[in-house]
Amino acid sequence: MAGASVKVAVRVRPFNSRETSHDAKCVIQMQGNTTCISNPKQPRDAPRTFTFDYSYWSHTS
């Protein structure tokens, strides 16, 4: 497989009914192809940051 490459995509989906009924909080933020995940149990900790080839935001408020 010489010369082969892999592209990675990530998508933030909307909350399902269970998550909505439990007043879940979205802990994901996206800007361009960068995705940040924050830990609500440790708000003082810096968010974890990842970069993907493609990032798709489908979450609704």
Protein backbone atom coordinates (compact mmCIF):
# COMPACT_ATOMS: atom_id res chain seq x y z
CA MET A 1 0.00 0.00 0.00
CA ALA A 2 2.76 2.40 -0.81
CA GLY A 3 1.51 5.95 -1.24
CA ALA A 4 -1.82 5.22 0.51
CA SER A 5 -3.20 7.81 2.91
CA VAL A 6 -6.01 7.91 5.43
CA LYS A 7 -8.34 10.86 5.94
CA VAL A 8 -10.06 11.20 9.31
CA ALA A 9 -13.37 12.98 9.90
CA VAL A 10 -15.26 13.72 13.12
CA ARG A 11 -18.90 14.74 13.55
CA VAL A 12 -20.68 16.15 16.58
CA ARG A 13 -24.20 14.76 16.47
CA PRO A 14 -27.30 16.34 18.01
CA PHE A 15 -28.38 15.17 21.46
CA ASN A 16 -30.78 12.24 21.52
CA SER A 17 -34.00 12.39 23.57
CA ARG A 18 -32.38 10.81 26.64
CA GLU A 19 -29.57 13.37 26.66
CA THR A 20 -32.05 16.22 26.16
CA SER A 21 -34.30 15.01 28.99
CA HIS A 22 -31.30 14.84 31.34
CA ASP A 23 -30.28 18.44 30.44
CA ALA A 24 -26.94 17.25 29.07
CA LYS A 25 -24.32 19.87 28.29
CA CYS A 26 -22.30 19.87 25.06
CA VAL A 27 -18.61 19.68 25.99
CA ILE A 28 -17.34 19.87 22.38
CA GLN A 29 -16.28 22.99 20.53
CA MET A 30 -15.11 23.14 16.92
CA GLN A 31 -13.27 25.76 14.95
CA GLY A 32 -12.26 24.74 11.46
CA ASN A 33 -10.70 21.29 11.70
CA THR A 34 -9.79 21.70 15.37
CA THR A 35 -11.96 20.01 17.99
CA CYS A 36 -11.74 20.86 21.70
CA ILE A 37 -13.21 18.68 24.43
CA SER A 38 -13.64 20.07 27.94
CA ASN A 39 -14.21 18.07 31.11
CA PRO A 40 -17.21 19.51 33.00
CA LYS A 41 -16.07 17.73 36.19
CA GLN A 42 -12.71 19.52 36.03
CA PRO A 43 -13.51 23.00 34.61
CA ARG A 44 -10.06 24.36 35.56
CA ASP A 45 -8.31 21.80 33.36
CA ALA A 46 -7.38 22.94 29.87
CA PRO A 47 -9.55 21.47 27.10
CA ARG A 48 -8.06 18.61 25.08
CA THR A 49 -7.47 19.71 21.48
CA PHE A 50 -7.41 17.50 18.39
CA THR A 51 -7.04 18.24 14.69
CA PHE A 52 -8.80 16.15 12.04
CA ASP A 53 -8.89 16.29 8.26
CA TYR A 54 -12.61 17.09 8.38
CA SER A 55 -14.83 18.32 11.23
CA TYR A 56 -18.62 18.44 10.94
CA TRP A 57 -20.87 20.24 13.42
CA SER A 58 -24.41 18.80 13.56
CA HIS A 59 -25.24 19.64 17.17
CA THR A 60 -28.12 22.02 17.85
CA SER A 61 -28.61 24.12 20.98
